[in-house]
Protein backbone atom coordinates (compact mmCIF):
# COMPACT_ATOMS: atom_id res chain seq x y z
CA MET A 1 101.48 54.65 53.47
CA ASP A 2 100.42 51.80 56.23
CA ILE A 3 98.07 49.14 55.47
CA LEU A 4 96.76 45.91 57.57
CA LEU A 5 97.57 42.59 55.43
CA LEU A 6 95.42 40.18 57.18
CA THR A 7 96.34 36.60 56.64
CA ASP A 8 95.03 33.11 58.32
CA LYS A 9 97.75 31.64 60.29
CA ASN A 10 101.08 31.06 59.78
CA ASN A 11 101.19 34.15 57.21
CA PHE A 12 98.69 31.99 54.50
CA PHE A 13 97.57 34.08 51.83
CA GLY A 14 96.03 32.07 49.44
CA GLN A 15 96.15 31.40 46.22
CA THR A 16 98.88 30.52 43.79
CA ARG A 17 99.41 26.50 41.94
CA LYS A 18 96.56 25.08 44.30
CA PRO A 19 94.26 26.45 46.90
CA TRP A 20 95.22 25.61 49.03
CA VAL A 21 98.85 26.71 48.17
CA SER A 22 100.28 30.49 49.45
CA ILE A 23 101.53 33.06 47.79
CA ASP A 24 105.01 34.28 49.01
CA THR A 25 104.06 36.66 51.84
CA GLN A 26 106.96 37.84 52.55
CA LYS A 27 108.15 38.64 48.93
CA PHE A 28 104.63 40.11 48.59
CA ILE A 29 105.47 42.79 51.43
CA SER A 30 109.07 43.80 50.51
CA ASN A 31 107.24 44.77 46.64
CA LEU A 32 105.06 46.56 48.80
CA ALA A 33 107.98 47.94 50.42
CA ASN A 34 109.33 49.35 46.99
CA TYR A 35 105.95 51.39 45.99
CA GLY A 36 107.05 52.90 49.88
CA ILE A 37 103.65 50.82 51.20
CA LYS A 38 104.50 49.38 54.89
CA CYS A 39 102.53 46.53 56.39
CA LYS A 40 101.94 46.09 59.32
CA VAL A 41 100.85 41.59 59.60
CA SER A 42 98.33 40.33 61.55
CA THR A 43 95.45 36.86 60.90
CA PHE A 44 91.63 37.08 61.22
CA PRO A 45 91.43 34.71 64.13
CA LEU A 46 93.57 36.86 66.41
CA VAL A 47 91.03 39.42 65.35
CA ALA A 48 88.22 37.50 65.69
CA VAL A 49 89.41 36.68 69.41
CA ASN A 50 89.59 40.39 70.25
CA LYS A 51 93.51 40.60 70.37
CA GLU A 52 94.25 43.29 67.50
CA ILE A 53 90.65 44.96 66.71
CA PRO A 54 91.63 47.53 63.72
CA SER A 55 89.22 50.38 62.95
CA LYS A 56 89.65 53.38 59.96
CA GLU A 57 92.46 51.13 58.41
CA ILE A 58 93.24 50.24 55.09
CA ILE A 59 92.58 46.68 55.09
CA PHE A 60 94.46 44.64 52.28
CA TYR A 61 93.26 40.50 52.87
CA HIS A 62 92.92 36.72 52.04
CA PHE A 63 89.80 34.99 50.77
CA SER A 64 89.34 30.29 51.01
CA GLN A 65 87.97 28.39 49.77
CA LYS A 66 87.98 25.79 52.67
CA GLU A 67 84.19 26.42 54.06
CA ASN A 68 84.50 27.02 57.33
CA LEU A 69 87.78 29.53 56.77
CA ARG A 70 85.21 30.96 53.73
CA TYR A 71 82.36 32.03 56.59
CA PHE A 72 84.63 32.74 58.76
CA ILE A 73 86.44 35.27 56.98
CA LYS A 74 83.00 36.69 55.96
CA ASP A 75 81.89 37.10 59.26
CA VAL A 76 85.09 39.14 60.93
CA ALA A 77 85.52 40.95 57.64
CA GLU A 78 81.58 42.31 58.00
CA VAL A 79 82.33 43.49 61.40
CA LEU A 80 85.29 45.00 60.20
CA ASN A 81 83.41 46.59 57.40
CA GLN A 82 81.46 48.15 60.13
CA LEU A 83 84.48 49.25 62.18
CA ASN A 84 85.47 51.93 58.86
CA ASN A 85 87.66 50.61 57.61
CA LYS A 86 88.70 50.59 53.72
CA LEU A 87 88.52 47.09 53.06
CA VAL A 88 90.42 45.70 49.89
CA PRO A 89 88.51 44.01 47.80
CA SER A 90 85.12 45.43 49.13
CA ILE A 91 82.54 43.17 51.48
CA ASP A 92 80.48 42.88 48.32
CA LEU A 93 83.13 41.20 47.12
CA LEU A 94 84.10 39.23 48.94
CA ARG A 95 80.25 38.29 49.46
CA SER A 96 80.53 37.51 45.61
CA HIS A 97 83.45 34.26 46.04
CA GLU A 98 82.06 31.50 45.73
CA ASN A 99 78.60 32.60 45.55
CA LYS A 100 77.14 32.26 42.09
CA GLY A 101 73.71 33.65 43.47
CA TYR A 102 74.93 37.01 44.95
CA GLN A 103 77.09 37.26 41.81
CA GLU A 104 74.20 37.34 39.48
CA LEU A 105 72.19 39.77 42.02
CA LEU A 106 75.51 41.84 42.02
CA LYS A 107 75.72 41.91 37.90
CA LYS A 108 73.00 43.62 38.16
CA VAL A 109 73.24 46.31 40.32
CA ARG A 110 76.71 47.09 38.67
CA LYS A 111 74.23 47.23 35.02
CA VAL A 112 77.31 44.69 34.04
CA SER A 113 75.88 42.97 30.30
CA SER A 114 75.89 39.60 30.98
CA PRO A 115 73.38 36.67 29.52
CA VAL A 116 70.10 36.53 31.67
CA GLY A 117 70.53 35.58 35.09
CA TYR A 118 69.14 34.60 38.49
CA TYR A 119 69.46 33.30 41.85
CA ILE A 120 66.94 30.92 43.36
CA SER A 121 66.00 29.48 46.95
CA SER A 122 64.08 25.66 45.19
CA ILE A 123 63.67 24.38 42.47
CA GLU A 124 60.52 24.84 42.47
CA ASP A 125 60.77 28.95 42.11
CA ILE A 126 62.03 28.14 38.60
CA HIS A 127 58.28 28.88 37.67
CA TYR A 128 58.46 32.47 37.97
CA LEU A 129 61.33 32.91 35.91
CA ASP A 130 61.18 34.60 32.77
CA ILE A 131 63.23 32.47 31.12
CA GLN A 132 63.64 30.13 28.03
CA PHE A 133 64.64 26.42 27.92
CA PRO A 134 67.48 24.79 27.62
CA ILE A 135 69.23 26.88 30.55
CA VAL A 136 72.20 26.99 32.75
CA VAL A 137 72.50 25.26 35.98
CA LYS A 138 74.86 26.35 38.15
CA THR A 139 75.69 25.31 41.88
CA ILE A 140 76.72 28.43 44.33
CA ASP A 141 79.93 27.15 44.79
CA GLY A 142 82.59 24.93 42.73
CA SER A 143 84.81 25.59 40.25
CA ASN A 144 86.75 24.22 36.97
CA GLY A 145 82.79 23.58 35.69
CA LYS A 146 81.62 21.34 38.87
CA GLY A 147 77.96 21.59 39.40
CA VAL A 148 77.46 23.24 36.27
CA PHE A 149 73.95 21.73 34.30
CA LEU A 150 72.72 22.19 30.73
CA CYS A 151 69.57 21.60 31.70
CA LYS A 152 66.90 21.04 28.83
CA ASN A 153 63.07 21.19 30.38
CA ILE A 154 62.03 21.07 33.24
CA HIS A 155 62.45 17.52 34.49
CA ASP A 156 66.75 17.88 33.63
CA VAL A 157 66.61 20.38 36.23
CA TYR A 158 64.98 17.84 38.78
CA LYS A 159 67.01 15.50 38.21
CA TYR A 160 70.53 17.35 38.25
CA LEU A 161 69.56 19.29 41.59
CA LYS A 162 67.76 16.03 43.33
CA ARG A 163 70.78 14.77 44.71
CA PHE A 164 71.33 18.16 46.85
CA ARG A 165 67.01 17.48 48.19
CA GLY A 166 65.45 14.91 50.92
CA THR A 167 65.46 14.21 53.84
CA ASN A 168 68.47 11.45 55.42
CA ILE A 169 67.32 8.27 56.95
CA PRO A 170 66.58 9.66 60.82
CA GLU A 171 63.92 12.76 59.01
CA LYS A 172 62.60 9.71 56.76
CA LEU A 173 61.70 7.52 59.92
CA ASP A 174 60.28 10.77 61.98
CA LEU A 175 57.99 12.29 59.38
CA LEU A 176 56.13 8.58 59.43
CA ARG A 177 55.78 8.89 62.43
CA ARG A 178 54.56 11.97 62.56
CA ARG A 179 52.61 10.55 60.08
CA TYR A 180 51.23 7.78 60.64
CA PHE A 181 51.97 7.03 64.46
CA ARG A 182 50.74 10.28 66.46
CA ARG A 183 47.52 10.67 68.67
CA LYS A 184 45.58 13.00 67.40
CA LYS A 185 46.59 16.68 69.25
CA ASN A 186 44.46 19.78 70.02
CA TYR A 187 45.93 22.90 71.01
CA PRO A 188 42.90 25.72 72.68
CA GLU A 189 44.96 28.69 71.95
CA TYR A 190 45.28 27.24 67.55
CA PRO A 191 41.94 25.94 66.76
CA ASP A 192 42.99 25.63 62.97
CA TYR A 193 45.80 23.29 63.63
CA ASN A 194 45.05 20.07 62.60
CA ASN A 195 47.66 16.41 62.64
CA TYR A 196 48.28 16.00 58.99
CA LYS A 197 48.19 20.18 57.60
CA ASP A 198 51.49 19.99 60.64
CA TYR A 199 53.39 17.52 58.83
CA LEU A 200 52.87 19.10 55.48
CA GLU A 201 54.34 22.54 57.13
CA TYR A 202 56.95 20.56 59.24
CA LYS A 203 57.86 18.36 56.24
CA GLU A 204 58.57 21.44 53.72
CA TYR A 205 60.43 22.94 56.91
CA ILE A 206 62.88 20.41 56.78
CA THR A 207 63.58 19.10 53.55
CA LYS A 208 66.97 20.08 52.66
CA ASP A 209 66.46 22.56 49.17
CA ILE A 210 69.94 23.83 47.51
CA ARG A 211 70.25 27.54 46.12
CA PHE A 212 71.26 27.86 43.28
CA ALA A 213 71.94 30.10 39.65
CA VAL A 214 70.82 30.19 36.21
CA GLN A 215 71.16 31.72 33.20
CA GLU A 216 70.21 31.81 29.91
CA TYR A 217 72.02 29.38 27.79
CA ILE A 218 74.73 30.99 24.41
CA PRO A 219 74.79 28.30 22.08
CA GLU A 220 77.08 27.20 19.88
CA GLN A 221 80.39 27.95 21.71
CA GLU A 222 83.21 26.07 21.78
CA PHE A 223 85.83 27.78 24.19
CA ASP A 224 84.94 31.33 26.36
CA TYR A 225 87.72 33.76 27.80
CA ARG A 226 88.98 34.01 31.07
CA VAL A 227 91.12 37.84 31.82
CA LEU A 228 92.81 38.76 34.72
CA ALA A 229 93.13 41.98 35.50
CA ILE A 230 95.44 43.58 37.32
CA TYR A 231 94.53 47.27 37.90
CA ASP A 232 95.25 48.40 34.34
CA LYS A 233 96.75 45.62 33.21
CA TYR A 234 95.06 42.37 31.18
CA TYR A 235 95.95 39.03 31.00
CA ILE A 236 94.01 36.25 28.76
CA ILE A 237 93.35 33.39 27.86
CA LYS A 238 91.42 31.59 25.55
CA ARG A 239 89.55 28.58 27.13
CA HIS A 240 88.17 25.66 24.79
CA THR A 241 86.08 22.90 25.71
CA ARG A 242 85.56 19.38 25.50
CA ALA A 243 84.21 17.58 22.51
CA GLY A 244 80.43 16.80 23.91
CA ASP A 245 80.96 19.52 26.66
CA PHE A 246 79.51 22.97 26.66
CA ARG A 247 81.53 23.48 29.35
CA ALA A 248 85.09 25.00 28.63
CA SER A 249 86.26 25.98 32.79
CA GLY A 250 88.12 22.66 33.82
CA ALA A 251 88.39 21.42 30.57
CA LYS A 252 92.14 22.56 30.63
CA LYS A 253 92.51 23.19 26.88
CA PHE A 254 93.20 27.04 26.45
CA ASP A 255 95.64 28.95 24.13
CA ILE A 256 97.94 31.58 24.69
CA ASN A 257 98.65 33.27 21.41
CA PHE A 258 95.83 33.92 19.42
CA GLU A 259 94.23 36.94 18.04
CA ILE A 260 92.71 39.10 20.37
CA ASP A 261 89.90 41.44 19.16
CA ASN A 262 89.77 44.58 20.47
CA LYS A 263 86.72 44.83 21.16
CA LEU A 264 87.00 41.85 23.63
CA LEU A 265 89.55 43.80 25.67
CA SER A 266 87.25 47.25 25.40
CA SER A 267 84.81 45.06 26.91
CA ALA A 268 86.79 43.32 29.66
CA GLU A 269 87.96 47.13 30.61
CA GLN A 270 83.97 48.06 31.37
CA PHE A 271 83.33 44.96 33.16
CA LYS A 272 86.23 45.75 35.45
CA ASN A 273 85.55 49.00 35.36
CA ALA A 274 81.74 48.60 36.92
CA PHE A 275 83.92 46.91 39.57
CA PRO A 276 86.15 49.79 41.15
CA ASP A 277 86.20 48.23 44.70
CA THR A 278 88.56 46.34 43.94
CA PRO A 279 91.79 46.25 42.79
CA TYR A 280 92.06 42.78 40.90
CA LEU A 281 89.45 41.37 38.57
CA SER A 282 89.47 37.35 37.36
CA MET A 283 86.50 37.24 34.39
CA ASP A 284 84.54 34.46 32.48
CA ILE A 285 83.65 36.56 29.53
CA ILE A 286 82.13 34.64 26.44
CA TYR A 287 80.69 36.10 23.00
CA ASP A 288 77.08 36.52 21.54
CA ASN A 289 76.90 35.80 18.13
CA ARG A 290 73.35 36.46 18.07
CA ASP A 291 74.12 40.75 19.42
CA ASN A 292 78.10 40.75 18.95
CA SER A 293 79.06 41.32 21.89
CA TYR A 294 81.10 39.74 25.01
CA LYS A 295 79.37 39.25 28.12
CA LEU A 296 80.18 38.27 31.69
CA LEU A 297 79.32 35.07 33.38
CA GLU A 298 81.50 34.31 36.47
CA PHE A 299 83.49 37.46 38.13
CA GLN A 300 86.43 37.16 41.16
CA ALA A 301 87.65 39.59 43.32
CA LEU A 302 90.42 37.28 44.73
CA HIS A 303 91.54 33.62 45.55
CA PHE A 304 91.09 33.45 41.99
CA GLY A 305 93.24 30.96 39.35
CA ILE A 306 96.78 32.29 38.20
CA ASN A 307 97.02 29.86 35.26
CA VAL A 308 96.12 32.72 33.31
CA ILE A 309 99.68 34.72 34.09
CA VAL A 310 102.00 32.55 34.97
CA LYS A 311 101.61 30.83 31.58
CA ASN A 312 101.22 33.28 29.54
CA ASP A 313 103.50 35.97 28.12
CA GLY A 314 102.38 39.12 28.55
CA TYR A 315 99.80 41.94 28.87
CA PHE A 316 97.52 43.78 27.49
CA ILE A 317 97.36 47.14 28.90
CA LYS A 318 96.01 50.69 27.23
CA LYS A 319 98.02 53.47 25.78
CA ASN A 320 96.88 56.76 24.12
CA GLY A 321 93.59 55.08 23.89
CA LYS A 322 94.95 51.93 21.89
CA TRP A 323 95.64 48.88 23.49
CA GLU A 324 99.60 47.38 23.08
CA LYS A 325 101.13 44.16 24.38
CA VAL A 326 103.77 44.14 26.91
CA TYR A 327 106.11 41.04 26.73
CA LYS A 328 106.95 40.75 29.85
CA GLN A 329 106.55 37.55 32.35
CA ASN A 330 106.36 38.66 36.12
CA ALA A 331 105.87 36.64 39.34
CA PHE A 332 102.30 36.63 40.66
CA GLU A 333 103.43 38.89 44.05
CA ASP A 334 105.13 41.36 41.51
CA GLU A 335 101.37 41.88 39.95
CA LEU A 336 99.37 41.65 43.39
CA ALA A 337 101.45 44.32 44.58
CA TYR A 338 101.51 46.16 41.41
CA GLY A 339 97.79 46.12 41.33
CA LEU A 340 97.11 47.07 45.17
CA ALA A 341 99.73 49.44 44.59
CA LYS A 342 98.32 51.22 41.54
CA TYR A 343 94.79 50.73 43.34
CA LEU A 344 95.79 53.25 46.49
CA GLY A 345 97.06 55.99 44.54
CA VAL A 346 100.75 54.83 45.45
CA SER A 347 103.61 54.65 41.66
CA ALA A 348 106.68 53.35 41.96
């Protein structure tokens, strides 16, 4: 089987230890060869400048947290998707990367059990929501708990998000000019025009706002779970919150050796099965004691943290309908190759 591997310059394929550290791309390619998968390697820049434009190929490609690259990759991938290439992961999973708002929409479409959540385009729109305070407000991107706030009322929402809104000094001066120092204007073709109305509409138009995600708050939580599915293998760590903080992400307090509930594993499997368009799914899962269920908070299909693999002593896999733990440590490139090969229907 032949596939196209799309990387950044110098065969960069993120991430491992940190977002700026590439996997061992050559090792990954060699591992795929052991499964009979041959890789042709190209880069997103070469595709974008029309040097190498594939069609009707299987394309495995990297994501990026670097903002300019993230949007660049999405734009190029959208075109590749239109050329009947099979993108792995799918374009929907790429759109979800560093976009918690799109994740909320996609979870609804995929009918995933999740805290009640919404995607909002401005703070004022929060008044439309059928949701009770306290709520969790999240900026669209960000990791390690950054941009995540617990809001007890609407005033908290404005307090936490006001730093992302408003106008800059030149815009404020221009608004002042428009409000008080413009001569009266008339436009025969626009008989309802007046300066003050134009000022108000222009002020709203230029005022910077922020998209964000809203989730219901599940109380009395001291931990959540990071579960990484590598096709049918499930790696798990328990992430604890800090004292006085509801966020487990970014706290850097986690357990590996703890009693695993089979219901957690089965729930993670259900969540992964809702995304059949990726070999991998990194999931943040929380237990809701109100209805004795596990719920999916967030997910990523690639470019996720890999501590859950490299610090673990093994993984869980279902055999004959029962969950078993396999005590084995593999390099991340080995697991990436395994997951992709299984996803493509290839076995060693």
